[in-house]
Amino acid sequence: MGISKIEWTEVTWNPITGCSKISDGCINCYAAAFAKRLKAMGNIRYKNGFQPTVHEDLIDLPFQWKTPKRVFVNSMSDIFHEQIPDKYILQIFETMNQCRQHEFQVLTKRPERLSSLNDKIVWTDNIWMGVTIESDKYLNRADMLRNCGARIKFISAEPLLSRLNNLNLTDIDWLIVGGESGPHCRPIKKEWVEELLDLAKYNNTAFFFKQWGGFNKKKNGKLLNGKIYQDYPNK
């Protein structure tokens, strides 16, 4: 377990590490760069670098947490990566099923695999399922998310790389929006964020604006027209 600096969660749990680039939002992947650094430091969890790796000894880790937590699952991977066998994915979900005192946030860019396993997953109410939609090229991911059995469904539009004015928020409980950060970050436009805020309000979808991003993300902050928008879905 790691205490997280990600604003919309509390801790991270990584029974799987490593991934591969699949869409535009992956180009400047923070996790890949972090994994490279951890491998150089001799961290045993990253001896394979950023190759998808299952850590079987961490699958039961949430049972050890005594107080309820909001948990981002596999912040250093994608649980539905094609190289991860079904049995491990289902074991991770079984842990979430049994640890109902915690809220688990699962995020993927591979909703096709989510769809293929949907009927095998037990969707207890403490599992929040999300997809990343970073540009209008990936709007269909929302449709596959809508068809899964999770009670709370969310979209992460981060890094937001284009206008998403055709995004369908029907049955979507939460929308996270954020700009890309770091030395090679791509720009975000204010009107894109404002459009998504209006869309979320129209659909009664909770809206969470994480950051403007940029090379100095702390300086750029998270104020949108002088306000902080960091709402969570109704449970």
C-alpha atoms as a PDB file:
ATOM      1  CA  MET A   1       0.000   0.000   0.000  1.00  0.00           C
ATOM      2  CA  GLY A   2       1.200   3.485  -0.815  1.00  0.00           C
ATOM      3  CA  ILE A   3      -0.214   6.779   0.418  1.00  0.00           C
ATOM      4  CA  SER A   4      -1.239   8.478  -2.805  1.00  0.00           C
ATOM      5  CA  LYS A   5      -0.647  12.019  -4.036  1.00  0.00           C
ATOM      6  CA  ILE A   6      -3.470  11.503  -6.542  1.00  0.00           C
ATOM      7  CA  GLU A   7      -6.138  13.924  -5.378  1.00  0.00           C
ATOM      8  CA  TRP A   8      -9.162  11.699  -5.944  1.00  0.00           C
ATOM      9  CA  THR A   9      -7.967   8.676  -3.971  1.00  0.00           C
ATOM     10  CA  GLU A  10      -6.264   7.889  -0.654  1.00  0.00           C
ATOM     11  CA  VAL A  11      -3.989   4.911  -1.220  1.00  0.00           C
ATOM     12  CA  THR A  12      -2.757   2.763  -4.085  1.00  0.00           C
ATOM     13  CA  TRP A  13      -2.657  -1.025  -4.289  1.00  0.00           C
ATOM     14  CA  ASN A  14      -0.544  -2.641  -7.005  1.00  0.00           C
ATOM     15  CA  PRO A  15      -0.876  -6.426  -7.166  1.00  0.00           C
ATOM     16  CA  ILE A  16      -0.016  -5.915 -10.846  1.00  0.00           C
ATOM     17  CA  THR A  17       2.737  -3.654 -12.143  1.00  0.00           C
ATOM     18  CA  GLY A  18       3.747  -2.836 -15.698  1.00  0.00           C
ATOM     19  CA  CYS A  19       1.792  -2.065 -18.822  1.00  0.00           C
ATOM     20  CA  SER A  20       2.182  -1.146 -22.502  1.00  0.00           C
ATOM     21  CA  LYS A  21       1.106   1.897 -24.467  1.00  0.00           C
ATOM     22  CA  ILE A  22      -2.270   1.579 -26.131  1.00  0.00           C
ATOM     23  CA  SER A  23      -3.590   5.085 -26.822  1.00  0.00           C
ATOM     24  CA  ASP A  24      -2.645   8.758 -27.055  1.00  0.00           C
ATOM     25  CA  GLY A  25      -2.800   9.355 -23.319  1.00  0.00           C
ATOM     26  CA  CYS A  26      -0.015   6.791 -22.805  1.00  0.00           C
ATOM     27  CA  ILE A  27       2.663   8.717 -24.690  1.00  0.00           C
ATOM     28  CA  ASN A  28       4.068  10.455 -21.594  1.00  0.00           C
ATOM     29  CA  CYS A  29       3.134   7.711 -19.121  1.00  0.00           C
ATOM     30  CA  TYR A  30       4.157   8.696 -15.585  1.00  0.00           C
ATOM     31  CA  ALA A  31       4.025   5.079 -14.408  1.00  0.00           C
ATOM     32  CA  ALA A  32       6.525   3.886 -17.036  1.00  0.00           C
ATOM     33  CA  ALA A  33       8.994   6.595 -16.068  1.00  0.00           C
ATOM     34  CA  PHE A  34       8.500   5.861 -12.365  1.00  0.00           C
ATOM     35  CA  ALA A  35       8.994   2.113 -12.902  1.00  0.00           C
ATOM     36  CA  LYS A  36      12.274   2.762 -14.719  1.00  0.00           C
ATOM     37  CA  ARG A  37      13.481   4.808 -11.760  1.00  0.00           C
ATOM     38  CA  LEU A  38      12.392   2.172  -9.245  1.00  0.00           C
ATOM     39  CA  LYS A  39      14.178  -0.576 -11.166  1.00  0.00           C
ATOM     40  CA  ALA A  40      17.387   1.467 -11.165  1.00  0.00           C
ATOM     41  CA  MET A  41      17.010   1.857  -7.392  1.00  0.00           C
ATOM     42  CA  GLY A  42      16.832  -1.934  -6.989  1.00  0.00           C
ATOM     43  CA  ASN A  43      13.151  -2.150  -6.039  1.00  0.00           C
ATOM     44  CA  ILE A  44      12.320  -5.851  -6.288  1.00  0.00           C
ATOM     45  CA  ARG A  45       8.772  -5.153  -7.478  1.00  0.00           C
ATOM     46  CA  TYR A  46      10.214  -3.584 -10.625  1.00  0.00           C
ATOM     47  CA  LYS A  47      12.974  -6.037 -11.468  1.00  0.00           C
ATOM     48  CA  ASN A  48      11.077  -6.600 -14.745  1.00  0.00           C
ATOM     49  CA  GLY A  49      10.905  -2.880 -15.385  1.00  0.00           C
ATOM     50  CA  PHE A  50       7.551  -2.005 -16.873  1.00  0.00           C
ATOM     51  CA  GLN A  51       6.760  -5.481 -18.159  1.00  0.00           C
ATOM     52  CA  PRO A  52       3.331  -6.612 -16.885  1.00  0.00           C
ATOM     53  CA  THR A  53       3.996  -8.568 -13.700  1.00  0.00           C
ATOM     54  CA  VAL A  54       1.634 -10.148 -11.163  1.00  0.00           C
ATOM     55  CA  HIS A  55       2.649  -9.958  -7.490  1.00  0.00           C
ATOM     56  CA  GLU A  56       0.653 -12.820  -6.038  1.00  0.00           C
ATOM     57  CA  ASP A  57       1.706 -12.017  -2.474  1.00  0.00           C
ATOM     58  CA  LEU A  58      -0.021  -8.618  -2.718  1.00  0.00           C
ATOM     59  CA  ILE A  59      -3.420  -9.870  -3.872  1.00  0.00           C
ATOM     60  CA  ASP A  60      -4.611 -10.300  -0.263  1.00  0.00           C
ATOM     61  CA  LEU A  61      -3.039  -7.093   1.032  1.00  0.00           C
ATOM     62  CA  PRO A  62      -6.326  -5.167   1.651  1.00  0.00           C
ATOM     63  CA  PHE A  63      -7.298  -7.715   4.314  1.00  0.00           C
ATOM     64  CA  GLN A  64      -4.513  -6.238   6.474  1.00  0.00           C
ATOM     65  CA  TRP A  65      -5.897  -2.684   6.470  1.00  0.00           C
ATOM     66  CA  LYS A  66      -7.822  -2.039   9.650  1.00  0.00           C
ATOM     67  CA  THR A  67      -9.483   1.268   8.740  1.00  0.00           C
ATOM     68  CA  PRO A  68     -11.672   1.893   5.649  1.00  0.00           C
ATOM     69  CA  LYS A  69      -9.800   3.354   2.689  1.00  0.00           C
ATOM     70  CA  ARG A  70     -10.453   4.672  -0.795  1.00  0.00           C
ATOM     71  CA  VAL A  71      -8.107   2.612  -2.969  1.00  0.00           C
ATOM     72  CA  PHE A  72      -6.853   3.168  -6.514  1.00  0.00           C
ATOM     73  CA  VAL A  73      -6.258  -0.341  -7.868  1.00  0.00           C
ATOM     74  CA  ASN A  74      -3.162  -0.845 -10.036  1.00  0.00           C
ATOM     75  CA  SER A  75      -2.031   2.740 -10.390  1.00  0.00           C
ATOM     76  CA  MET A  76       1.132   1.290 -11.955  1.00  0.00           C
ATOM     77  CA  SER A  77      -0.630  -0.953 -14.458  1.00  0.00           C
ATOM     78  CA  ASP A  78      -3.933  -1.775 -16.158  1.00  0.00           C
ATOM     79  CA  ILE A  79      -5.779  -4.673 -14.527  1.00  0.00           C
ATOM     80  CA  PHE A  80      -7.257  -5.657 -17.900  1.00  0.00           C
ATOM     81  CA  HIS A  81      -3.933  -5.788 -19.741  1.00  0.00           C
ATOM     82  CA  GLU A  82      -3.930  -8.563 -22.312  1.00  0.00           C
ATOM     83  CA  GLN A  83      -0.882 -10.286 -20.751  1.00  0.00           C
ATOM     84  CA  ILE A  84      -2.539 -10.773 -17.354  1.00  0.00           C
ATOM     85  CA  PRO A  85      -4.265 -14.177 -17.044  1.00  0.00           C
ATOM     86  CA  ASP A  86      -7.975 -14.133 -16.212  1.00  0.00           C
ATOM     87  CA  LYS A  87      -7.462 -16.024 -12.967  1.00  0.00           C
ATOM     88  CA  TYR A  88      -5.397 -13.242 -11.412  1.00  0.00           C
ATOM     89  CA  ILE A  89      -7.818 -10.535 -12.478  1.00  0.00           C
ATOM     90  CA  LEU A  90     -10.683 -12.473 -10.915  1.00  0.00           C
ATOM     91  CA  GLN A  91      -8.686 -13.130  -7.734  1.00  0.00           C
ATOM     92  CA  ILE A  92      -8.084  -9.384  -7.354  1.00  0.00           C
ATOM     93  CA  PHE A  93     -11.799  -8.725  -7.764  1.00  0.00           C
ATOM     94  CA  GLU A  94     -12.568 -11.446  -5.200  1.00  0.00           C
ATOM     95  CA  THR A  95     -10.388  -9.617  -2.691  1.00  0.00           C
ATOM     96  CA  MET A  96     -12.363  -6.435  -3.377  1.00  0.00           C
ATOM     97  CA  ASN A  97     -15.614  -8.371  -2.917  1.00  0.00           C
ATOM     98  CA  GLN A  98     -14.524  -9.583   0.500  1.00  0.00           C
ATOM     99  CA  CYS A  99     -13.097  -6.266   1.710  1.00  0.00           C
ATOM    100  CA  ARG A 100     -16.298  -4.274   1.579  1.00  0.00           C
ATOM    101  CA  GLN A 101     -15.118  -1.766   4.139  1.00  0.00           C
ATOM    102  CA  HIS A 102     -12.916  -0.251   1.431  1.00  0.00           C
ATOM    103  CA  GLU A 103     -13.882   1.546  -1.787  1.00  0.00           C
ATOM    104  CA  PHE A 104     -11.883   0.332  -4.775  1.00  0.00           C
ATOM    105  CA  GLN A 105     -11.375   2.525  -7.840  1.00  0.00           C
ATOM    106  CA  VAL A 106     -10.455   0.543 -10.957  1.00  0.00           C
ATOM    107  CA  LEU A 107      -9.447   2.393 -14.126  1.00  0.00           C
ATOM    108  CA  THR A 108      -8.725   0.928 -17.557  1.00  0.00           C
ATOM    109  CA  LYS A 109      -7.983   1.873 -21.141  1.00  0.00           C
ATOM    110  CA  ARG A 110      -8.950  -1.664 -22.198  1.00  0.00           C
ATOM    111  CA  PRO A 111     -12.750  -1.840 -21.848  1.00  0.00           C
ATOM    112  CA  GLU A 112     -12.917  -4.664 -24.403  1.00  0.00           C
ATOM    113  CA  ARG A 113     -11.291  -6.966 -21.855  1.00  0.00           C
ATOM    114  CA  LEU A 114     -13.579  -5.571 -19.168  1.00  0.00           C
ATOM    115  CA  SER A 115     -16.560  -6.496 -21.337  1.00  0.00           C
ATOM    116  CA  SER A 116     -15.270 -10.017 -21.928  1.00  0.00           C
ATOM    117  CA  LEU A 117     -14.894 -10.646 -18.180  1.00  0.00           C
ATOM    118  CA  ASN A 118     -17.939  -8.714 -16.986  1.00  0.00           C
ATOM    119  CA  ASP A 119     -20.138 -11.754 -16.407  1.00  0.00           C
ATOM    120  CA  LYS A 120     -17.394 -13.501 -14.401  1.00  0.00           C
ATOM    121  CA  ILE A 121     -16.860 -10.555 -12.060  1.00  0.00           C
ATOM    122  CA  VAL A 122     -18.947 -10.125  -8.909  1.00  0.00           C
ATOM    123  CA  TRP A 123     -19.762  -6.417  -8.823  1.00  0.00           C
ATOM    124  CA  THR A 124     -20.110  -5.577  -5.148  1.00  0.00           C
ATOM    125  CA  ASP A 125     -21.118  -1.973  -4.450  1.00  0.00           C
ATOM    126  CA  ASN A 126     -17.663  -0.997  -3.169  1.00  0.00           C
ATOM    127  CA  ILE A 127     -16.094  -1.368  -6.636  1.00  0.00           C
ATOM    128  CA  TRP A 128     -16.014   1.767  -8.777  1.00  0.00           C
ATOM    129  CA  MET A 129     -15.229   1.034 -12.421  1.00  0.00           C
ATOM    130  CA  GLY A 130     -13.803   3.646 -14.768  1.00  0.00           C
ATOM    131  CA  VAL A 131     -12.349   4.136 -18.229  1.00  0.00           C
ATOM    132  CA  THR A 132      -9.935   6.751 -19.515  1.00  0.00           C
ATOM    133  CA  ILE A 133     -11.190   8.929 -22.378  1.00  0.00           C
ATOM    134  CA  GLU A 134      -8.447  11.385 -23.225  1.00  0.00           C
ATOM    135  CA  SER A 135      -9.710  12.480 -26.645  1.00  0.00           C
ATOM    136  CA  ASP A 136     -12.711  12.111 -28.912  1.00  0.00           C
ATOM    137  CA  LYS A 137     -11.039   9.113 -30.581  1.00  0.00           C
ATOM    138  CA  TYR A 138     -11.986   6.991 -27.575  1.00  0.00           C
ATOM    139  CA  LEU A 139     -15.589   7.986 -26.866  1.00  0.00           C
ATOM    140  CA  ASN A 140     -16.738   4.398 -27.457  1.00  0.00           C
ATOM    141  CA  ARG A 141     -15.077   3.383 -24.208  1.00  0.00           C
ATOM    142  CA  ALA A 142     -17.980   4.996 -22.358  1.00  0.00           C
ATOM    143  CA  ASP A 143     -20.435   2.645 -24.073  1.00  0.00           C
ATOM    144  CA  MET A 144     -18.496  -0.429 -22.942  1.00  0.00           C
ATOM    145  CA  LEU A 145     -18.278   0.967 -19.421  1.00  0.00           C
ATOM    146  CA  ARG A 146     -22.041   1.534 -19.348  1.00  0.00           C
ATOM    147  CA  ASN A 147     -22.588  -2.159 -20.066  1.00  0.00           C
ATOM    148  CA  CYS A 148     -20.563  -3.435 -17.129  1.00  0.00           C
ATOM    149  CA  GLY A 149     -22.121  -4.392 -13.799  1.00  0.00           C
ATOM    150  CA  ALA A 150     -20.450  -1.821 -11.548  1.00  0.00           C
ATOM    151  CA  ARG A 151     -22.845   0.305  -9.523  1.00  0.00           C
ATOM    152  CA  ILE A 152     -20.580   3.368  -9.714  1.00  0.00           C
ATOM    153  CA  LYS A 153     -19.111   4.120 -13.123  1.00  0.00           C
ATOM    154  CA  PHE A 154     -16.649   6.896 -13.851  1.00  0.00           C
ATOM    155  CA  ILE A 155     -14.659   8.473 -16.659  1.00  0.00           C
ATOM    156  CA  SER A 156     -11.174   9.902 -16.325  1.00  0.00           C
ATOM    157  CA  ALA A 157     -10.581  12.573 -18.967  1.00  0.00           C
ATOM    158  CA  GLU A 158      -6.940  12.903 -18.022  1.00  0.00           C
ATOM    159  CA  PRO A 159      -4.794  13.907 -19.691  1.00  0.00           C
ATOM    160  CA  LEU A 160      -7.490  15.802 -21.586  1.00  0.00           C
ATOM    161  CA  LEU A 161      -6.103  16.132 -25.120  1.00  0.00           C
ATOM    162  CA  SER A 162      -9.101  17.331 -27.122  1.00  0.00           C
ATOM    163  CA  ARG A 163     -12.647  18.612 -26.886  1.00  0.00           C
ATOM    164  CA  LEU A 164     -15.124  15.926 -25.766  1.00  0.00           C
ATOM    165  CA  ASN A 165     -18.334  17.702 -26.698  1.00  0.00           C
ATOM    166  CA  ASN A 166     -19.875  14.426 -27.969  1.00  0.00           C
ATOM    167  CA  LEU A 167     -19.214  12.574 -24.721  1.00  0.00           C
ATOM    168  CA  ASN A 168     -22.294  10.685 -23.520  1.00  0.00           C
ATOM    169  CA  LEU A 169     -22.553  10.821 -19.726  1.00  0.00           C
ATOM    170  CA  THR A 170     -25.756   8.794 -19.485  1.00  0.00           C
ATOM    171  CA  ASP A 171     -25.451   6.506 -16.414  1.00  0.00           C
ATOM    172  CA  ILE A 172     -21.975   7.861 -15.643  1.00  0.00           C
ATOM    173  CA  ASP A 173     -21.660   8.814 -11.974  1.00  0.00           C
ATOM    174  CA  TRP A 174     -18.343  10.653 -11.920  1.00  0.00           C
ATOM    175  CA  LEU A 175     -16.187  12.630 -14.344  1.00  0.00           C
ATOM    176  CA  ILE A 176     -12.535  13.386 -13.545  1.00  0.00           C
ATOM    177  CA  VAL A 177     -10.806  15.985 -15.722  1.00  0.00           C
ATOM    178  CA  GLY A 178      -7.174  17.052 -15.740  1.00  0.00           C
ATOM    179  CA  GLY A 179      -4.398  18.450 -17.875  1.00  0.00           C
ATOM    180  CA  GLU A 180      -1.147  16.658 -18.599  1.00  0.00           C
ATOM    181  CA  SER A 181       1.899  17.577 -16.522  1.00  0.00           C
ATOM    182  CA  GLY A 182       5.644  17.200 -16.934  1.00  0.00           C
ATOM    183  CA  PRO A 183       8.335  18.406 -19.342  1.00  0.00           C
ATOM    184  CA  HIS A 184       6.656  17.027 -22.479  1.00  0.00           C
ATOM    185  CA  CYS A 185       3.056  17.842 -21.550  1.00  0.00           C
ATOM    186  CA  ARG A 186       0.492  18.629 -24.207  1.00  0.00           C
ATOM    187  CA  PRO A 187      -1.780  21.661 -23.787  1.00  0.00           C
ATOM    188  CA  ILE A 188      -5.283  21.732 -22.376  1.00  0.00           C
ATOM    189  CA  LYS A 189      -7.805  24.428 -23.289  1.00  0.00           C
ATOM    190  CA  LYS A 190     -10.064  26.124 -20.784  1.00  0.00           C
ATOM    191  CA  GLU A 191     -13.128  25.840 -23.023  1.00  0.00           C
ATOM    192  CA  TRP A 192     -12.738  22.045 -23.130  1.00  0.00           C
ATOM    193  CA  VAL A 193     -12.941  21.899 -19.329  1.00  0.00           C
ATOM    194  CA  GLU A 194     -15.857  24.335 -19.153  1.00  0.00           C
ATOM    195  CA  GLU A 195     -17.805  22.275 -21.689  1.00  0.00           C
ATOM    196  CA  LEU A 196     -17.304  19.139 -19.593  1.00  0.00           C
ATOM    197  CA  LEU A 197     -18.369  20.943 -16.436  1.00  0.00           C
ATOM    198  CA  ASP A 198     -21.588  22.040 -18.144  1.00  0.00           C
ATOM    199  CA  LEU A 199     -22.139  18.537 -19.505  1.00  0.00           C
ATOM    200  CA  ALA A 200     -21.650  17.010 -16.053  1.00  0.00           C
ATOM    201  CA  LYS A 201     -24.110  19.458 -14.506  1.00  0.00           C
ATOM    202  CA  TYR A 202     -26.707  18.676 -17.173  1.00  0.00           C
ATOM    203  CA  ASN A 203     -26.372  14.929 -16.519  1.00  0.00           C
ATOM    204  CA  ASN A 204     -26.122  15.191 -12.711  1.00  0.00           C
ATOM    205  CA  THR A 205     -22.665  13.645 -12.921  1.00  0.00           C
ATOM    206  CA  ALA A 206     -20.209  14.487 -10.133  1.00  0.00           C
ATOM    207  CA  PHE A 207     -17.361  16.622 -11.517  1.00  0.00           C
ATOM    208  CA  PHE A 208     -13.773  16.518 -10.265  1.00  0.00           C
ATOM    209  CA  PHE A 209     -11.260  18.901 -11.811  1.00  0.00           C
ATOM    210  CA  LYS A 210      -7.850  17.668 -10.764  1.00  0.00           C
ATOM    211  CA  GLN A 211      -5.401  20.137 -12.304  1.00  0.00           C
ATOM    212  CA  TRP A 212      -4.426  22.331 -15.243  1.00  0.00           C
ATOM    213  CA  GLY A 213      -1.136  20.466 -15.460  1.00  0.00           C
ATOM    214  CA  GLY A 214       1.730  21.924 -17.425  1.00  0.00           C
ATOM    215  CA  PHE A 215       5.449  21.922 -16.656  1.00  0.00           C
ATOM    216  CA  ASN A 216       4.787  23.494 -13.246  1.00  0.00           C
ATOM    217  CA  LYS A 217       1.493  21.916 -12.255  1.00  0.00           C
ATOM    218  CA  LYS A 218       1.579  23.296  -8.709  1.00  0.00           C
ATOM    219  CA  LYS A 219       1.848  26.856  -9.988  1.00  0.00           C
ATOM    220  CA  ASN A 220      -0.956  26.343 -12.503  1.00  0.00           C
ATOM    221  CA  GLY A 221      -3.165  24.864  -9.800  1.00  0.00           C
ATOM    222  CA  LYS A 222      -6.724  23.560 -10.039  1.00  0.00           C
ATOM    223  CA  LEU A 223      -8.973  26.618  -9.916  1.00  0.00           C
ATOM    224  CA  LEU A 224     -11.598  26.796 -12.656  1.00  0.00           C
ATOM    225  CA  ASN A 225     -13.008  30.303 -12.917  1.00  0.00           C
ATOM    226  CA  GLY A 226     -11.936  30.934  -9.345  1.00  0.00           C
ATOM    227  CA  LYS A 227     -13.528  27.789  -7.902  1.00  0.00           C
ATOM    228  CA  ILE A 228     -12.436  24.301  -6.917  1.00  0.00           C
ATOM    229  CA  TYR A 229     -14.552  21.488  -8.333  1.00  0.00           C
ATOM    230  CA  GLN A 230     -13.776  18.234  -6.544  1.00  0.00           C
ATOM    231  CA  ASP A 231     -17.048  16.389  -6.125  1.00  0.00           C
ATOM    232  CA  TYR A 232     -17.514  12.653  -5.596  1.00  0.00           C
ATOM    233  CA  PRO A 233     -20.369  10.421  -6.746  1.00  0.00           C
ATOM    234  CA  ASN A 234     -23.301   9.724  -4.473  1.00  0.00           C
ATOM    235  CA  LYS A 235     -22.914   6.288  -2.950  1.00  0.00           C
END
